Amino acid sequence: MAITYMTKDGYDRKMEEITYLETVKRPEISRAIAEARDKGDLSENAEYDAAKEAQGLLEMKIAQLKDLVANARIIDESKLSTDEVQLLNRVTIRNVATGAVAEYTIVADSEADMKAKKIAISTPIARGLLGHKKGETVEIAIPAGKVKFEIVEIAI
C-alpha cells in the first residue's frame, strides 16, 4: 500500500474509528452470529448468513484502516508555508470566466470532505494548483472542460 500523508487530527480520527469498530461493532456482530446460530439449522438461516457477511465486511474495513494508518506519515504542520500552494494550504481561487470565488483546503485523499471544503490532493483542481503562487492564473482541465483560476490567497 502507498504512503498516505495525514494531519495529526486525521490520524487520530482513523485510530478512533478502528477502536470503535473493534470494541463496539465487532462484539455486536459476534452476538448476532451467536443468536442466529442458536436458532438451529445454519443451511437455511438467512440471519446467520447476513451476520457472517457483515462480519466479513467489518473485518475488511478494519484491515484497510489499519493498513492506512500503518503506512501513514504525519505532516509537521509547523513546517508549512504559504509561498506556493502545497498540501494543507487553504487556497482561495477565482474562476476567471465567471468571477466565482471558492476556498478549499488541500488535504490527503483519506481526509477529503467536500462539506468541510477539504479537497483531496489527487483531484484535478488540487493537482493544478500545487506549486503555484498567489496572483498566478492557472488553467486546469476538469471534467467540464478547461477552466482558468486565479490564486487569490494561500493560507494555513
Protein backbone atom coordinates (compact mmCIF):
# COMPACT_ATOMS: atom_id res chain seq x y z
CA MET A 1 0.00 0.00 0.00
CA ALA A 2 1.16 3.52 -0.77
CA ILE A 3 2.28 6.03 1.82
CA THR A 4 -0.54 8.34 2.91
CA TYR A 5 0.13 11.80 4.31
CA MET A 6 -2.16 12.86 7.14
CA THR A 7 -2.53 15.56 9.70
CA LYS A 8 -2.25 14.51 13.33
CA ASP A 9 -6.00 15.15 13.66
CA GLY A 10 -6.80 12.95 10.65
CA TYR A 11 -4.59 10.17 12.02
CA ASP A 12 -6.28 10.38 15.43
CA ARG A 13 -9.75 10.17 13.81
CA LYS A 14 -8.76 6.99 11.92
CA MET A 15 -7.39 5.45 15.14
CA GLU A 16 -10.67 6.29 16.94
CA GLU A 17 -12.63 4.65 14.12
CA ILE A 18 -10.53 1.47 14.40
CA THR A 19 -11.07 1.38 18.17
CA TYR A 20 -14.84 1.85 17.73
CA LEU A 21 -15.08 -0.89 15.10
CA GLU A 22 -13.04 -3.32 17.20
CA THR A 23 -14.63 -2.62 20.60
CA VAL A 24 -18.26 -1.87 19.64
CA LYS A 25 -19.13 -3.17 16.18
CA ARG A 26 -17.13 -6.43 16.29
CA PRO A 27 -18.83 -7.63 19.54
CA GLU A 28 -22.27 -6.62 18.14
CA ILE A 29 -21.74 -8.79 15.07
CA SER A 30 -20.39 -11.67 17.17
CA ARG A 31 -23.58 -11.53 19.26
CA ALA A 32 -25.73 -11.50 16.12
CA ILE A 33 -23.90 -14.57 14.78
CA ALA A 34 -24.32 -16.38 18.13
CA GLU A 35 -28.05 -15.55 18.24
CA ALA A 36 -28.56 -16.74 14.66
CA ARG A 37 -26.57 -19.94 15.35
CA ASP A 38 -28.83 -20.66 18.34
CA LYS A 39 -31.85 -20.68 16.03
CA GLY A 40 -30.89 -24.03 14.54
CA ASP A 41 -30.18 -25.23 11.02
CA LEU A 42 -27.49 -22.97 9.56
CA SER A 43 -28.02 -24.13 5.96
CA GLU A 44 -31.33 -22.25 5.73
CA ASN A 45 -30.63 -19.46 8.21
CA ALA A 46 -30.65 -16.08 6.42
CA GLU A 47 -29.91 -14.23 9.67
CA TYR A 48 -26.73 -16.26 10.13
CA ASP A 49 -25.63 -15.67 6.51
CA ALA A 50 -26.26 -11.93 6.83
CA ALA A 51 -24.37 -11.71 10.13
CA LYS A 52 -21.40 -13.65 8.69
CA GLU A 53 -21.35 -11.35 5.64
CA ALA A 54 -21.46 -8.26 7.90
CA GLN A 55 -18.58 -9.76 9.89
CA GLY A 56 -16.52 -10.22 6.73
CA LEU A 57 -17.16 -6.64 5.62
CA LEU A 58 -16.28 -5.27 9.06
CA GLU A 59 -13.03 -7.23 9.23
CA MET A 60 -12.12 -6.00 5.74
CA LYS A 61 -12.78 -2.38 6.79
CA ILE A 62 -10.70 -2.79 9.95
CA ALA A 63 -7.84 -4.28 7.93
CA GLN A 64 -7.99 -1.43 5.40
CA LEU A 65 -7.94 1.21 8.15
CA LYS A 66 -5.04 -0.50 9.94
CA ASP A 67 -3.15 -0.65 6.64
CA LEU A 68 -3.85 3.04 6.05
CA VAL A 69 -2.53 4.15 9.45
CA ALA A 70 0.41 1.73 9.28
CA ASN A 71 1.55 3.49 6.09
CA ALA A 72 0.65 7.00 7.26
CA ARG A 73 3.15 9.80 7.58
CA ILE A 74 2.12 12.61 9.92
CA ILE A 75 2.68 16.04 8.40
CA ASP A 76 4.53 18.53 10.60
CA GLU A 77 2.19 21.49 10.25
CA SER A 78 4.81 23.87 11.68
CA LYS A 79 6.86 23.42 8.51
CA LEU A 80 4.09 24.53 6.16
CA SER A 81 4.47 27.69 4.13
CA THR A 82 2.24 29.91 2.02
CA ASP A 83 4.86 30.79 -0.60
CA GLU A 84 3.22 28.41 -3.05
CA VAL A 85 0.25 26.04 -2.95
CA GLN A 86 1.03 22.79 -1.12
CA LEU A 87 -0.69 20.11 0.93
CA LEU A 88 -2.70 21.52 3.89
CA ASN A 89 -2.88 25.03 2.45
CA ARG A 90 -6.22 26.82 2.39
CA VAL A 91 -6.43 28.28 -1.10
CA THR A 92 -8.86 30.93 -2.32
CA ILE A 93 -9.35 30.80 -6.07
CA ARG A 94 -11.40 32.88 -8.50
CA ASN A 95 -12.82 31.46 -11.70
CA VAL A 96 -11.53 33.95 -14.32
CA ALA A 97 -14.53 33.45 -16.65
CA THR A 98 -17.34 33.68 -14.09
CA GLY A 99 -15.75 35.57 -11.22
CA ALA A 100 -16.95 32.90 -8.80
CA VAL A 101 -14.72 32.62 -5.73
CA ALA A 102 -14.14 29.39 -3.82
CA GLU A 103 -11.95 28.42 -0.90
CA TYR A 104 -10.57 24.91 -0.39
CA THR A 105 -8.11 23.23 1.90
CA ILE A 106 -5.93 20.70 0.10
CA VAL A 107 -5.70 17.52 2.15
CA ALA A 108 -4.63 13.88 1.81
CA ASP A 109 -7.09 11.66 -0.03
CA SER A 110 -8.07 9.95 3.24
CA GLU A 111 -9.18 13.28 4.78
CA ALA A 112 -11.15 14.73 1.85
CA ASP A 113 -14.57 16.12 2.84
CA MET A 114 -16.41 18.38 0.38
CA LYS A 115 -18.86 19.57 3.06
CA ALA A 116 -15.89 20.95 5.01
CA LYS A 117 -14.34 22.29 1.75
CA LYS A 118 -11.42 19.88 2.01
CA ILE A 119 -10.37 18.57 -1.39
CA ALA A 120 -8.09 15.60 -1.98
CA ILE A 121 -4.62 16.31 -3.29
CA SER A 122 -5.34 13.85 -6.11
CA THR A 123 -8.23 15.90 -7.56
CA PRO A 124 -7.67 17.80 -10.82
CA ILE A 125 -8.12 21.20 -9.14
CA ALA A 126 -5.66 20.45 -6.31
CA ARG A 127 -3.09 18.96 -8.72
CA GLY A 128 -3.45 22.01 -10.97
CA LEU A 129 -2.87 24.45 -8.11
CA LEU A 130 0.11 22.72 -6.48
CA GLY A 131 3.36 24.65 -6.75
CA HIS A 132 1.74 27.88 -7.96
CA LYS A 133 1.92 31.23 -6.19
CA LYS A 134 -0.59 33.87 -5.13
CA GLY A 135 -1.61 36.04 -8.08
CA GLU A 136 -0.89 33.38 -10.70
CA THR A 137 -3.55 32.23 -13.13
CA VAL A 138 -3.63 28.50 -13.87
CA GLU A 139 -5.61 26.59 -16.45
CA ILE A 140 -6.95 23.33 -15.08
CA ALA A 141 -8.62 20.52 -17.00
CA ILE A 142 -11.69 19.43 -15.05
CA PRO A 143 -14.49 17.09 -16.19
CA ALA A 144 -16.47 20.10 -17.51
CA GLY A 145 -13.50 21.27 -19.64
CA LYS A 146 -10.57 23.63 -19.15
CA VAL A 147 -11.08 26.40 -16.59
CA LYS A 148 -8.78 29.28 -15.66
CA PHE A 149 -8.43 30.06 -11.97
CA GLU A 150 -6.60 32.94 -10.33
CA ILE A 151 -4.99 32.13 -6.99
CA VAL A 152 -6.29 34.91 -4.74
CA GLU A 153 -4.92 33.77 -1.37
CA ILE A 154 -2.82 30.99 0.15
CA ALA A 155 -3.18 30.42 3.89
CA ILE A 156 -2.60 27.75 6.51
